[in-house]
Structures are given as structure tokens and as C-alpha cells.
């Protein structure tokens, strides 16, 4: 082991800047009477999202001699929605989240997330508030807004809402992804590939950009839009080749949410992925009654990267996975 691996991966000066940003975020919400909350990092259920992998462990103790399976949370979303159903009102949380995926310049398996929920807001009101926060932290001009359809057509000259599987396979092949396209039969997988590799690098370069109204099939936790059932009340925020946030006009229907979780696990079974237990406490909370609200999760490490002009996530956290 290198003699220097005891040292932090970020400089102390950067960590001071990070601390100041966290303080500013808290003050932003305190002045708006949004309550700070804390929820468990360990839970008996996790997300069924087929694109996320959770860390799991087992608790052995009083009442659980046979072992209680637990998951490190990929986000505090489900527990925060239970608080909303209990009458918390507007809430925010700064916490650690965990995703068992590749570490890289923009990823660390343990990272810091800001998540907040606003009863009475839709996705557009929440984008307004998020825009204010971005201007405060990054000193940027107001963000641009594009629908998913507009962004896709602008870059790739194809309507993602009407495109056929054959058209998407041909487009992906044209852009150098033939090895994937030739064997892929899921339209959403191809849409996500093209959006990630070709659309994202072109938007939000000079100022932040909100992309909203994602395809309904890519928004498992969002309301379907009343005016167009092909899209949902989901948005993402991009800036300088960084995906910063993912937000929703939240789904409140318990039966529909359970159905979507079941569909995720069916896909997992068909594709050799681990089954993930549905969070029945969340479903019970939705049955009790989740207020109409919008919520968003933002990656704080990436925000600090932008604020401090750093290229690697390890340069803005005290100890990255290789030094942890």
C-alpha cells in the first residue's frame, strides 16, 4: 500500500469550499421553511429500478437470530415519502447514498445526495426553485428548458416518441453502436443509449439545461402527463457534461406504483438480475395518502465539482473508494 493513501483525495481548501456550499444549501431551505430530515440508510427493501444495483447486508441480533436482510439505500426517496404521507410538509435531506456500480470520474459507490419534496408543487414549480438554487451556488444565468422530444429531435433529427424499434436500431448503428443495436429489442434501452451518448454531451454547455417530459416508460415514479400519456412528469438537469439531478411530479397512486414495481421485477427475472423486494411500507404510505407533490434528487459531489472546477469526483470528497 502506498504511504500516501492515508491522505484525503481532496485538498483541504476544496473541502472548505464544499462545507460552505453545504451550509448555503441548508440556509436556502431554512429560509423557505423546508424542514431538514434524516431517514435510515439501511432498509428491508430497496429500489426495483433495473438500472440500479444496491448493496446488501444482513443484521443478526435480538429478534433476528436467523438474520434480517437489509439494503443500503440508493436514495432516501421511499422513507421521505412515508414522512410526507405522515404530514411532514415540505422536507429536504442531505445524506449519503449507495449504488453498487462502477467508480469513475463522475461516480463513487458512496456519494452525497440532496433530495427535497414540495407538497403542492408540480415539476415546473420545482424546476423554478431548483433554478434559483443553481444560480445561488454556481453563479449561472437562468437555465434553458427543453422537452425530451425537442432535445432528441434537435440533436438526432428523430422523434423519440414515435420512432420504431427498426428506426432506433438504424440510428444507433449509424452512430457507431451497431454491436448493441443489432441485438437489442427494447426501445427504451436504445433511447437511453442514444440520449446518453449523443444528446447529453450537446446540451447545457453554456448554462444549465432542464430536460422534461421523459417517455412514460422511463419514469417509474412519476405521474403520467394528462395532456399526453406518452410522457411523464419527470425532468433531469444537465450542465457542462454533468447529469446533476432527476426530479418527478410524484406518483401518488398505490396500485399503480405496486404494478410498476412488479413490472421491474419481471424484467429483472427475464434478464438474469436479482429480485429486489418491493417496499411494502411505501405502498402502505401511498394507500394512506401521499399529498400531491414534486420531488428531486441532486448529486452534491457533482455540484461541488462544477463549483470548484474539478474534473474528478475524488477531488471533491474526503476519501474516494480507493482510499476509504
C-alpha atoms as a PDB file:
ATOM      1  CA  UNK A   1       0.000   0.000   0.000  1.00  0.00           C
ATOM      2  CA  UNK A   2       1.254   3.451  -0.902  1.00  0.00           C
ATOM      3  CA  UNK A   3       2.467   5.518   2.022  1.00  0.00           C
ATOM      4  CA  UNK A   4       0.259   8.426   0.879  1.00  0.00           C
ATOM      5  CA  UNK A   5      -3.073   6.551   0.825  1.00  0.00           C
ATOM      6  CA  UNK A   6      -3.816   7.758   4.366  1.00  0.00           C
ATOM      7  CA  UNK A   7      -4.263  11.283   2.981  1.00  0.00           C
ATOM      8  CA  UNK A   8      -7.578  12.661   1.697  1.00  0.00           C
ATOM      9  CA  UNK A   9      -8.257  12.534  -2.027  1.00  0.00           C
ATOM     10  CA  UNK A  10      -9.496  16.157  -1.986  1.00  0.00           C
ATOM     11  CA  UNK A  11      -7.460  19.137  -0.841  1.00  0.00           C
ATOM     12  CA  UNK A  12      -8.380  20.780   2.450  1.00  0.00           C
ATOM     13  CA  UNK A  13      -9.101  24.007   0.565  1.00  0.00           C
ATOM     14  CA  UNK A  14     -11.639  22.187  -1.632  1.00  0.00           C
ATOM     15  CA  UNK A  15     -13.223  20.571   1.428  1.00  0.00           C
ATOM     16  CA  UNK A  16     -13.640  24.047   2.946  1.00  0.00           C
ATOM     17  CA  UNK A  17     -15.425  25.173  -0.217  1.00  0.00           C
ATOM     18  CA  UNK A  18     -17.590  22.064  -0.027  1.00  0.00           C
ATOM     19  CA  UNK A  19     -18.535  22.823   3.579  1.00  0.00           C
ATOM     20  CA  UNK A  20     -19.521  26.381   2.608  1.00  0.00           C
ATOM     21  CA  UNK A  21     -21.728  25.050  -0.219  1.00  0.00           C
ATOM     22  CA  UNK A  22     -23.489  22.627   2.146  1.00  0.00           C
ATOM     23  CA  UNK A  23     -24.125  25.493   4.568  1.00  0.00           C
ATOM     24  CA  UNK A  24     -25.559  27.643   1.755  1.00  0.00           C
ATOM     25  CA  UNK A  25     -27.876  24.812   0.680  1.00  0.00           C
ATOM     26  CA  UNK A  26     -29.181  24.388   4.215  1.00  0.00           C
ATOM     27  CA  UNK A  27     -29.772  28.128   4.595  1.00  0.00           C
ATOM     28  CA  UNK A  28     -31.581  28.154   1.222  1.00  0.00           C
ATOM     29  CA  UNK A  29     -34.141  25.690   2.577  1.00  0.00           C
ATOM     30  CA  UNK A  30     -34.279  27.061   6.125  1.00  0.00           C
ATOM     31  CA  UNK A  31     -35.351  30.480   4.795  1.00  0.00           C
ATOM     32  CA  UNK A  32     -38.127  28.759   2.855  1.00  0.00           C
ATOM     33  CA  UNK A  33     -39.390  26.822   5.891  1.00  0.00           C
ATOM     34  CA  UNK A  34     -38.459  23.458   4.389  1.00  0.00           C
ATOM     35  CA  UNK A  35     -37.690  21.057   7.252  1.00  0.00           C
ATOM     36  CA  UNK A  36     -34.449  19.063   7.290  1.00  0.00           C
ATOM     37  CA  UNK A  37     -34.997  15.350   7.993  1.00  0.00           C
ATOM     38  CA  UNK A  38     -32.946  12.194   8.457  1.00  0.00           C
ATOM     39  CA  UNK A  39     -34.031   8.729   7.337  1.00  0.00           C
ATOM     40  CA  UNK A  40     -32.359   5.286   7.574  1.00  0.00           C
ATOM     41  CA  UNK A  41     -29.505   4.317   5.272  1.00  0.00           C
ATOM     42  CA  UNK A  42     -30.369   0.652   5.919  1.00  0.00           C
ATOM     43  CA  UNK A  43     -33.801  -0.689   4.982  1.00  0.00           C
ATOM     44  CA  UNK A  44     -35.506  -4.024   4.489  1.00  0.00           C
ATOM     45  CA  UNK A  45     -36.377  -3.098   0.893  1.00  0.00           C
ATOM     46  CA  UNK A  46     -34.727  -1.256  -1.942  1.00  0.00           C
ATOM     47  CA  UNK A  47     -35.424   0.098  -5.403  1.00  0.00           C
ATOM     48  CA  UNK A  48     -36.563  -2.310  -8.098  1.00  0.00           C
ATOM     49  CA  UNK A  49     -35.204   0.004 -10.820  1.00  0.00           C
ATOM     50  CA  UNK A  50     -33.467  -2.285 -13.307  1.00  0.00           C
ATOM     51  CA  UNK A  51     -30.697   0.254 -13.886  1.00  0.00           C
ATOM     52  CA  UNK A  52     -29.666   0.446 -10.218  1.00  0.00           C
ATOM     53  CA  UNK A  53     -27.787  -2.096  -8.100  1.00  0.00           C
ATOM     54  CA  UNK A  54     -27.989  -1.990  -4.306  1.00  0.00           C
ATOM     55  CA  UNK A  55     -25.509  -3.087  -1.673  1.00  0.00           C
ATOM     56  CA  UNK A  56     -26.985  -5.635   0.743  1.00  0.00           C
ATOM     57  CA  UNK A  57     -26.045  -6.947   4.163  1.00  0.00           C
ATOM     58  CA  UNK A  58     -27.588  -8.990   6.999  1.00  0.00           C
ATOM     59  CA  UNK A  59     -28.380  -7.891  10.545  1.00  0.00           C
ATOM     60  CA  UNK A  60     -28.135 -10.598  13.212  1.00  0.00           C
ATOM     61  CA  UNK A  61     -29.410  -9.551  16.625  1.00  0.00           C
ATOM     62  CA  UNK A  62     -32.313  -9.663  19.088  1.00  0.00           C
ATOM     63  CA  UNK A  63     -35.417 -10.861  17.300  1.00  0.00           C
ATOM     64  CA  UNK A  64     -33.462 -11.666  14.163  1.00  0.00           C
ATOM     65  CA  UNK A  65     -31.282 -14.614  15.060  1.00  0.00           C
ATOM     66  CA  UNK A  66     -31.866 -16.051  11.607  1.00  0.00           C
ATOM     67  CA  UNK A  67     -30.676 -12.832  10.000  1.00  0.00           C
ATOM     68  CA  UNK A  68     -32.568  -9.807   8.657  1.00  0.00           C
ATOM     69  CA  UNK A  69     -31.663  -8.873   5.052  1.00  0.00           C
ATOM     70  CA  UNK A  70     -31.019  -5.149   4.700  1.00  0.00           C
ATOM     71  CA  UNK A  71     -30.139  -2.847   1.801  1.00  0.00           C
ATOM     72  CA  UNK A  72     -28.074   0.322   1.756  1.00  0.00           C
ATOM     73  CA  UNK A  73     -30.344   2.903   0.186  1.00  0.00           C
ATOM     74  CA  UNK A  74     -29.711   4.206  -3.320  1.00  0.00           C
ATOM     75  CA  UNK A  75     -31.677   7.314  -2.306  1.00  0.00           C
ATOM     76  CA  UNK A  76     -33.785   8.409   0.695  1.00  0.00           C
ATOM     77  CA  UNK A  77     -36.880   8.721  -1.503  1.00  0.00           C
ATOM     78  CA  UNK A  78     -39.107   5.973  -0.130  1.00  0.00           C
ATOM     79  CA  UNK A  79     -38.595   6.914   3.522  1.00  0.00           C
ATOM     80  CA  UNK A  80     -39.103  10.613   2.764  1.00  0.00           C
ATOM     81  CA  UNK A  81     -42.397   9.833   1.040  1.00  0.00           C
ATOM     82  CA  UNK A  82     -43.505   7.994   4.177  1.00  0.00           C
ATOM     83  CA  UNK A  83     -42.808  11.202   6.124  1.00  0.00           C
ATOM     84  CA  UNK A  84     -44.816  13.200   3.594  1.00  0.00           C
ATOM     85  CA  UNK A  85     -47.738  10.774   3.977  1.00  0.00           C
ATOM     86  CA  UNK A  86     -47.499  11.262   7.745  1.00  0.00           C
ATOM     87  CA  UNK A  87     -47.952  15.023   7.314  1.00  0.00           C
ATOM     88  CA  UNK A  88     -44.401  16.371   7.421  1.00  0.00           C
ATOM     89  CA  UNK A  89     -44.983  19.140   4.903  1.00  0.00           C
ATOM     90  CA  UNK A  90     -42.049  20.298   2.723  1.00  0.00           C
ATOM     91  CA  UNK A  91     -38.817  18.460   3.585  1.00  0.00           C
ATOM     92  CA  UNK A  92     -35.208  18.146   2.457  1.00  0.00           C
ATOM     93  CA  UNK A  93     -32.317  15.851   3.275  1.00  0.00           C
ATOM     94  CA  UNK A  94     -28.549  15.881   2.757  1.00  0.00           C
ATOM     95  CA  UNK A  95     -27.350  12.311   3.131  1.00  0.00           C
ATOM     96  CA  UNK A  96     -25.107   9.519   1.934  1.00  0.00           C
ATOM     97  CA  UNK A  97     -26.498   7.225  -0.748  1.00  0.00           C
ATOM     98  CA  UNK A  98     -25.007   3.997  -2.077  1.00  0.00           C
ATOM     99  CA  UNK A  99     -25.016   2.422  -5.534  1.00  0.00           C
ATOM    100  CA  UNK A 100     -23.123  -0.712  -6.443  1.00  0.00           C
ATOM    101  CA  UNK A 101     -21.889   0.482  -9.798  1.00  0.00           C
ATOM    102  CA  UNK A 102     -18.640   1.372 -11.475  1.00  0.00           C
ATOM    103  CA  UNK A 103     -16.465   4.025  -9.850  1.00  0.00           C
ATOM    104  CA  UNK A 104     -15.114   6.673 -12.203  1.00  0.00           C
ATOM    105  CA  UNK A 105     -14.613  10.374 -12.768  1.00  0.00           C
ATOM    106  CA  UNK A 106     -18.291  11.112 -12.038  1.00  0.00           C
ATOM    107  CA  UNK A 107     -19.158   8.098  -9.832  1.00  0.00           C
ATOM    108  CA  UNK A 108     -18.253   6.848  -6.364  1.00  0.00           C
ATOM    109  CA  UNK A 109     -20.230   3.962  -4.811  1.00  0.00           C
ATOM    110  CA  UNK A 110     -20.841   6.116  -1.721  1.00  0.00           C
ATOM    111  CA  UNK A 111     -21.907   9.662  -2.546  1.00  0.00           C
ATOM    112  CA  UNK A 112     -23.783  12.646  -1.117  1.00  0.00           C
ATOM    113  CA  UNK A 113     -27.315  13.382  -2.248  1.00  0.00           C
ATOM    114  CA  UNK A 114     -29.626  16.326  -1.738  1.00  0.00           C
ATOM    115  CA  UNK A 115     -33.261  15.342  -2.003  1.00  0.00           C
ATOM    116  CA  UNK A 116     -36.292  17.532  -1.379  1.00  0.00           C
ATOM    117  CA  UNK A 117     -40.076  17.383  -1.724  1.00  0.00           C
ATOM    118  CA  UNK A 118     -42.597  20.159  -2.133  1.00  0.00           C
ATOM    119  CA  UNK A 119     -46.297  19.398  -1.498  1.00  0.00           C
ATOM    120  CA  UNK A 120     -48.419  21.484  -3.848  1.00  0.00           C
ATOM    121  CA  UNK A 121     -45.655  21.864  -6.440  1.00  0.00           C
ATOM    122  CA  UNK A 122     -45.646  20.331  -9.903  1.00  0.00           C
ATOM    123  CA  UNK A 123     -42.454  19.633 -11.850  1.00  0.00           C
ATOM    124  CA  UNK A 124     -42.378  23.164 -13.300  1.00  0.00           C
ATOM    125  CA  UNK A 125     -42.593  24.896  -9.908  1.00  0.00           C
ATOM    126  CA  UNK A 126     -39.834  22.619  -8.644  1.00  0.00           C
ATOM    127  CA  UNK A 127     -37.657  23.428 -11.658  1.00  0.00           C
ATOM    128  CA  UNK A 128     -38.139  27.116 -10.812  1.00  0.00           C
ATOM    129  CA  UNK A 129     -36.891  26.567  -7.261  1.00  0.00           C
ATOM    130  CA  UNK A 130     -34.009  24.387  -8.414  1.00  0.00           C
ATOM    131  CA  UNK A 131     -33.004  27.067 -10.908  1.00  0.00           C
ATOM    132  CA  UNK A 132     -32.766  29.565  -8.030  1.00  0.00           C
ATOM    133  CA  UNK A 133     -30.511  27.183  -6.105  1.00  0.00           C
ATOM    134  CA  UNK A 134     -28.249  26.647  -9.117  1.00  0.00           C
ATOM    135  CA  UNK A 135     -27.893  30.398  -9.646  1.00  0.00           C
ATOM    136  CA  UNK A 136     -27.008  30.826  -5.971  1.00  0.00           C
ATOM    137  CA  UNK A 137     -24.378  28.074  -5.852  1.00  0.00           C
ATOM    138  CA  UNK A 138     -22.863  28.234  -9.351  1.00  0.00           C
ATOM    139  CA  UNK A 139     -23.493  31.922 -10.230  1.00  0.00           C
ATOM    140  CA  UNK A 140     -25.046  30.942 -13.568  1.00  0.00           C
ATOM    141  CA  UNK A 141     -27.765  32.501 -15.700  1.00  0.00           C
ATOM    142  CA  UNK A 142     -31.289  31.018 -15.615  1.00  0.00           C
ATOM    143  CA  UNK A 143     -31.485  27.529 -17.089  1.00  0.00           C
ATOM    144  CA  UNK A 144     -32.715  26.580 -20.537  1.00  0.00           C
ATOM    145  CA  UNK A 145     -35.696  24.194 -20.785  1.00  0.00           C
ATOM    146  CA  UNK A 146     -36.320  21.576 -23.450  1.00  0.00           C
ATOM    147  CA  UNK A 147     -38.725  18.667 -23.641  1.00  0.00           C
ATOM    148  CA  UNK A 148     -37.106  15.256 -24.110  1.00  0.00           C
ATOM    149  CA  UNK A 149     -38.707  15.178 -27.542  1.00  0.00           C
ATOM    150  CA  UNK A 150     -37.247  18.582 -28.504  1.00  0.00           C
ATOM    151  CA  UNK A 151     -33.746  17.690 -27.279  1.00  0.00           C
ATOM    152  CA  UNK A 152     -33.740  14.358 -29.122  1.00  0.00           C
ATOM    153  CA  UNK A 153     -35.038  15.865 -32.371  1.00  0.00           C
ATOM    154  CA  UNK A 154     -32.653  18.819 -32.114  1.00  0.00           C
ATOM    155  CA  UNK A 155     -29.584  16.560 -31.967  1.00  0.00           C
ATOM    156  CA  UNK A 156     -30.624  13.383 -33.779  1.00  0.00           C
ATOM    157  CA  UNK A 157     -33.450  14.543 -36.099  1.00  0.00           C
ATOM    158  CA  UNK A 158     -35.774  11.734 -34.973  1.00  0.00           C
ATOM    159  CA  UNK A 159     -38.933  11.890 -32.864  1.00  0.00           C
ATOM    160  CA  UNK A 160     -38.275   9.581 -29.882  1.00  0.00           C
ATOM    161  CA  UNK A 161     -41.996   9.271 -29.100  1.00  0.00           C
ATOM    162  CA  UNK A 162     -42.970   7.866 -32.487  1.00  0.00           C
ATOM    163  CA  UNK A 163     -39.742   6.149 -33.593  1.00  0.00           C
ATOM    164  CA  UNK A 164     -39.965   2.420 -34.278  1.00  0.00           C
ATOM    165  CA  UNK A 165     -37.528  -0.165 -32.983  1.00  0.00           C
ATOM    166  CA  UNK A 166     -36.133  -0.526 -36.512  1.00  0.00           C
ATOM    167  CA  UNK A 167     -35.535   3.232 -36.787  1.00  0.00           C
ATOM    168  CA  UNK A 168     -33.773   3.329 -33.412  1.00  0.00           C
ATOM    169  CA  UNK A 169     -31.597   0.332 -34.309  1.00  0.00           C
ATOM    170  CA  UNK A 170     -30.609   2.012 -37.574  1.00  0.00           C
ATOM    171  CA  UNK A 171     -29.857   5.322 -35.843  1.00  0.00           C
ATOM    172  CA  UNK A 172     -27.775   3.630 -33.162  1.00  0.00           C
ATOM    173  CA  UNK A 173     -25.840   1.716 -35.806  1.00  0.00           C
ATOM    174  CA  UNK A 174     -25.273   4.928 -37.738  1.00  0.00           C
ATOM    175  CA  UNK A 175     -23.667   6.443 -34.655  1.00  0.00           C
ATOM    176  CA  UNK A 176     -21.333   3.543 -34.010  1.00  0.00           C
ATOM    177  CA  UNK A 177     -23.382   1.347 -31.688  1.00  0.00           C
ATOM    178  CA  UNK A 178     -24.203  -1.477 -34.108  1.00  0.00           C
ATOM    179  CA  UNK A 179     -22.849  -4.113 -31.721  1.00  0.00           C
ATOM    180  CA  UNK A 180     -25.567  -3.128 -29.227  1.00  0.00           C
ATOM    181  CA  UNK A 181     -28.318  -2.155 -31.650  1.00  0.00           C
ATOM    182  CA  UNK A 182     -28.285  -5.384 -33.663  1.00  0.00           C
ATOM    183  CA  UNK A 183     -29.234  -7.475 -30.622  1.00  0.00           C
ATOM    184  CA  UNK A 184     -31.366  -5.003 -28.657  1.00  0.00           C
ATOM    185  CA  UNK A 185     -35.150  -5.350 -28.787  1.00  0.00           C
ATOM    186  CA  UNK A 186     -36.048  -2.842 -26.050  1.00  0.00           C
ATOM    187  CA  UNK A 187     -36.787   0.616 -27.430  1.00  0.00           C
ATOM    188  CA  UNK A 188     -36.086   2.341 -24.120  1.00  0.00           C
ATOM    189  CA  UNK A 189     -32.616   0.821 -23.902  1.00  0.00           C
ATOM    190  CA  UNK A 190     -31.789   2.258 -27.327  1.00  0.00           C
ATOM    191  CA  UNK A 191     -33.353   5.617 -26.474  1.00  0.00           C
ATOM    192  CA  UNK A 192     -31.304   5.815 -23.285  1.00  0.00           C
ATOM    193  CA  UNK A 193     -28.124   4.825 -25.140  1.00  0.00           C
ATOM    194  CA  UNK A 194     -28.614   7.488 -27.791  1.00  0.00           C
ATOM    195  CA  UNK A 195     -29.672  10.144 -25.297  1.00  0.00           C
ATOM    196  CA  UNK A 196     -26.719   9.476 -23.007  1.00  0.00           C
ATOM    197  CA  UNK A 197     -24.057   9.210 -25.709  1.00  0.00           C
ATOM    198  CA  UNK A 198     -25.250  11.747 -28.291  1.00  0.00           C
ATOM    199  CA  UNK A 199     -27.772  14.175 -26.756  1.00  0.00           C
ATOM    200  CA  UNK A 200     -26.390  14.835 -23.277  1.00  0.00           C
ATOM    201  CA  UNK A 201     -22.938  15.983 -24.491  1.00  0.00           C
ATOM    202  CA  UNK A 202     -24.539  18.731 -26.620  1.00  0.00           C
ATOM    203  CA  UNK A 203     -26.957  20.337 -24.127  1.00  0.00           C
ATOM    204  CA  UNK A 204     -26.338  22.541 -21.102  1.00  0.00           C
ATOM    205  CA  UNK A 205     -22.883  23.605 -22.195  1.00  0.00           C
ATOM    206  CA  UNK A 206     -23.071  27.363 -21.586  1.00  0.00           C
ATOM    207  CA  UNK A 207     -25.840  27.356 -18.969  1.00  0.00           C
ATOM    208  CA  UNK A 208     -27.790  24.644 -17.137  1.00  0.00           C
ATOM    209  CA  UNK A 209     -30.490  22.854 -19.115  1.00  0.00           C
ATOM    210  CA  UNK A 210     -33.633  21.167 -17.827  1.00  0.00           C
ATOM    211  CA  UNK A 211     -34.950  18.324 -19.967  1.00  0.00           C
ATOM    212  CA  UNK A 212     -38.537  17.413 -19.068  1.00  0.00           C
ATOM    213  CA  UNK A 213     -41.415  15.166 -20.176  1.00  0.00           C
ATOM    214  CA  UNK A 214     -39.387  11.988 -20.481  1.00  0.00           C
ATOM    215  CA  UNK A 215     -41.119   8.979 -22.084  1.00  0.00           C
ATOM    216  CA  UNK A 216     -43.653   7.447 -19.692  1.00  0.00           C
ATOM    217  CA  UNK A 217     -41.787   4.137 -19.906  1.00  0.00           C
ATOM    218  CA  UNK A 218     -38.726   5.828 -18.352  1.00  0.00           C
ATOM    219  CA  UNK A 219     -40.425   7.375 -15.344  1.00  0.00           C
ATOM    220  CA  UNK A 220     -41.464   4.656 -12.902  1.00  0.00           C
ATOM    221  CA  UNK A 221     -42.043   7.083 -10.005  1.00  0.00           C
ATOM    222  CA  UNK A 222     -43.728   9.945 -11.888  1.00  0.00           C
ATOM    223  CA  UNK A 223     -47.258  10.920 -12.836  1.00  0.00           C
ATOM    224  CA  UNK A 224     -48.247  10.355 -16.474  1.00  0.00           C
ATOM    225  CA  UNK A 225     -48.980  13.721 -18.118  1.00  0.00           C
ATOM    226  CA  UNK A 226     -52.692  14.384 -18.572  1.00  0.00           C
ATOM    227  CA  UNK A 227     -52.285  16.076 -21.961  1.00  0.00           C
ATOM    228  CA  UNK A 228     -50.065  13.357 -23.460  1.00  0.00           C
ATOM    229  CA  UNK A 229     -49.932   9.848 -21.984  1.00  0.00           C
ATOM    230  CA  UNK A 230     -46.743   9.098 -23.913  1.00  0.00           C
ATOM    231  CA  UNK A 231     -44.751  11.253 -21.472  1.00  0.00           C
ATOM    232  CA  UNK A 232     -44.454  11.676 -17.714  1.00  0.00           C
ATOM    233  CA  UNK A 233     -43.747  14.453 -15.249  1.00  0.00           C
ATOM    234  CA  UNK A 234     -40.040  13.674 -14.985  1.00  0.00           C
ATOM    235  CA  UNK A 235     -37.152  16.085 -15.528  1.00  0.00           C
ATOM    236  CA  UNK A 236     -33.369  15.993 -15.409  1.00  0.00           C
ATOM    237  CA  UNK A 237     -30.838  18.806 -15.100  1.00  0.00           C
ATOM    238  CA  UNK A 238     -27.623  18.911 -17.151  1.00  0.00           C
ATOM    239  CA  UNK A 239     -24.681  21.292 -17.077  1.00  0.00           C
ATOM    240  CA  UNK A 240     -21.238  21.004 -18.665  1.00  0.00           C
ATOM    241  CA  UNK A 241     -21.470  17.276 -19.437  1.00  0.00           C
ATOM    242  CA  UNK A 242     -22.797  16.527 -15.965  1.00  0.00           C
ATOM    243  CA  UNK A 243     -26.160  14.964 -15.121  1.00  0.00           C
ATOM    244  CA  UNK A 244     -26.949  16.789 -11.895  1.00  0.00           C
ATOM    245  CA  UNK A 245     -30.494  15.932 -10.874  1.00  0.00           C
ATOM    246  CA  UNK A 246     -33.542  13.772 -11.501  1.00  0.00           C
ATOM    247  CA  UNK A 247     -36.979  15.033 -10.498  1.00  0.00           C
ATOM    248  CA  UNK A 248     -40.623  13.951 -10.631  1.00  0.00           C
ATOM    249  CA  UNK A 249     -44.170  15.112 -10.349  1.00  0.00           C
ATOM    250  CA  UNK A 250     -44.610  12.254  -7.914  1.00  0.00           C
ATOM    251  CA  UNK A 251     -46.862   9.268  -8.473  1.00  0.00           C
ATOM    252  CA  UNK A 252     -49.385   9.026  -5.611  1.00  0.00           C
ATOM    253  CA  UNK A 253     -51.450   6.003  -6.679  1.00  0.00           C
ATOM    254  CA  UNK A 254     -50.524   2.940  -4.593  1.00  0.00           C
ATOM    255  CA  UNK A 255     -51.894   0.329  -7.002  1.00  0.00           C
ATOM    256  CA  UNK A 256     -50.121   1.859  -9.987  1.00  0.00           C
ATOM    257  CA  UNK A 257     -46.859   2.103  -8.028  1.00  0.00           C
ATOM    258  CA  UNK A 258     -47.056  -1.562  -6.956  1.00  0.00           C
ATOM    259  CA  UNK A 259     -47.790  -2.551 -10.567  1.00  0.00           C
ATOM    260  CA  UNK A 260     -44.677  -0.714 -11.773  1.00  0.00           C
ATOM    261  CA  UNK A 261     -42.521  -2.363  -9.090  1.00  0.00           C
ATOM    262  CA  UNK A 262     -43.848  -5.781 -10.175  1.00  0.00           C
ATOM    263  CA  UNK A 263     -43.040  -4.962 -13.801  1.00  0.00           C
ATOM    264  CA  UNK A 264     -39.468  -4.049 -12.797  1.00  0.00           C
ATOM    265  CA  UNK A 265     -39.005  -7.392 -11.046  1.00  0.00           C
ATOM    266  CA  UNK A 266     -40.485  -9.256 -14.004  1.00  0.00           C
ATOM    267  CA  UNK A 267     -37.882  -7.592 -16.218  1.00  0.00           C
ATOM    268  CA  UNK A 268     -35.196  -8.488 -13.688  1.00  0.00           C
ATOM    269  CA  UNK A 269     -36.259 -12.147 -13.788  1.00  0.00           C
ATOM    270  CA  UNK A 270     -36.247 -12.213 -17.584  1.00  0.00           C
ATOM    271  CA  UNK A 271     -32.772 -10.670 -17.753  1.00  0.00           C
ATOM    272  CA  UNK A 272     -30.978 -12.572 -15.007  1.00  0.00           C
ATOM    273  CA  UNK A 273     -30.960  -9.718 -12.489  1.00  0.00           C
ATOM    274  CA  UNK A 274     -31.509 -10.200  -8.752  1.00  0.00           C
ATOM    275  CA  UNK A 275     -35.068  -9.909  -7.444  1.00  0.00           C
ATOM    276  CA  UNK A 276     -35.493  -6.884  -5.148  1.00  0.00           C
ATOM    277  CA  UNK A 277     -38.272  -6.928  -2.537  1.00  0.00           C
ATOM    278  CA  UNK A 278     -40.971  -4.331  -3.119  1.00  0.00           C
ATOM    279  CA  UNK A 279     -41.051  -1.676  -0.402  1.00  0.00           C
ATOM    280  CA  UNK A 280     -44.452  -2.536   1.097  1.00  0.00           C
ATOM    281  CA  UNK A 281     -44.135   0.241   3.682  1.00  0.00           C
ATOM    282  CA  UNK A 282     -44.015   2.768   0.850  1.00  0.00           C
ATOM    283  CA  UNK A 283     -47.083   1.198  -0.759  1.00  0.00           C
ATOM    284  CA  UNK A 284     -48.895   1.370   2.596  1.00  0.00           C
ATOM    285  CA  UNK A 285     -47.935   5.050   2.887  1.00  0.00           C
ATOM    286  CA  UNK A 286     -49.320   5.731  -0.586  1.00  0.00           C
ATOM    287  CA  UNK A 287     -52.525   3.929   0.377  1.00  0.00           C
ATOM    288  CA  UNK A 288     -52.752   6.143   3.470  1.00  0.00           C
ATOM    289  CA  UNK A 289     -52.363   9.162   1.199  1.00  0.00           C
ATOM    290  CA  UNK A 290     -49.355  10.940  -0.291  1.00  0.00           C
ATOM    291  CA  UNK A 291     -50.076  14.629  -0.927  1.00  0.00           C
ATOM    292  CA  UNK A 292     -49.682  15.854  -4.483  1.00  0.00           C
ATOM    293  CA  UNK A 293     -46.075  16.909  -4.649  1.00  0.00           C
ATOM    294  CA  UNK A 294     -42.912  17.170  -6.684  1.00  0.00           C
ATOM    295  CA  UNK A 295     -39.515  15.905  -5.593  1.00  0.00           C
ATOM    296  CA  UNK A 296     -35.955  15.908  -6.875  1.00  0.00           C
ATOM    297  CA  UNK A 297     -32.611  14.301  -6.072  1.00  0.00           C
ATOM    298  CA  UNK A 298     -29.359  16.131  -6.813  1.00  0.00           C
ATOM    299  CA  UNK A 299     -25.793  14.819  -6.707  1.00  0.00           C
ATOM    300  CA  UNK A 300     -23.908  17.122  -4.342  1.00  0.00           C
ATOM    301  CA  UNK A 301     -20.449  15.827  -5.274  1.00  0.00           C
ATOM    302  CA  UNK A 302     -21.070  16.709  -8.919  1.00  0.00           C
ATOM    303  CA  UNK A 303     -22.417  20.125  -7.920  1.00  0.00           C
ATOM    304  CA  UNK A 304     -19.214  20.770  -5.938  1.00  0.00           C
ATOM    305  CA  UNK A 305     -17.149  19.590  -8.932  1.00  0.00           C
ATOM    306  CA  UNK A 306     -18.786  22.291 -11.038  1.00  0.00           C
ATOM    307  CA  UNK A 307     -18.436  24.943  -8.327  1.00  0.00           C
ATOM    308  CA  UNK A 308     -14.731  24.218  -7.829  1.00  0.00           C
ATOM    309  CA  UNK A 309     -13.865  23.418 -11.478  1.00  0.00           C
ATOM    310  CA  UNK A 310     -12.765  19.843 -10.756  1.00  0.00           C
ATOM    311  CA  UNK A 311     -12.849  17.020 -13.310  1.00  0.00           C
ATOM    312  CA  UNK A 312     -12.943  14.035 -10.947  1.00  0.00           C
ATOM    313  CA  UNK A 313     -15.306  13.220  -8.096  1.00  0.00           C
ATOM    314  CA  UNK A 314     -12.398  12.063  -5.928  1.00  0.00           C
ATOM    315  CA  UNK A 315     -11.129  15.660  -5.943  1.00  0.00           C
ATOM    316  CA  UNK A 316     -14.201  16.919  -4.036  1.00  0.00           C
ATOM    317  CA  UNK A 317     -14.744  14.150  -1.447  1.00  0.00           C
ATOM    318  CA  UNK A 318     -12.548  13.462   1.570  1.00  0.00           C
ATOM    319  CA  UNK A 319     -11.796   9.835   0.713  1.00  0.00           C
ATOM    320  CA  UNK A 320     -12.843   8.130  -2.514  1.00  0.00           C
ATOM    321  CA  UNK A 321     -13.470   4.369  -2.638  1.00  0.00           C
ATOM    322  CA  UNK A 322      -9.804   3.557  -3.208  1.00  0.00           C
ATOM    323  CA  UNK A 323      -8.838   5.431  -0.018  1.00  0.00           C
ATOM    324  CA  UNK A 324     -11.849   4.529   2.105  1.00  0.00           C
END
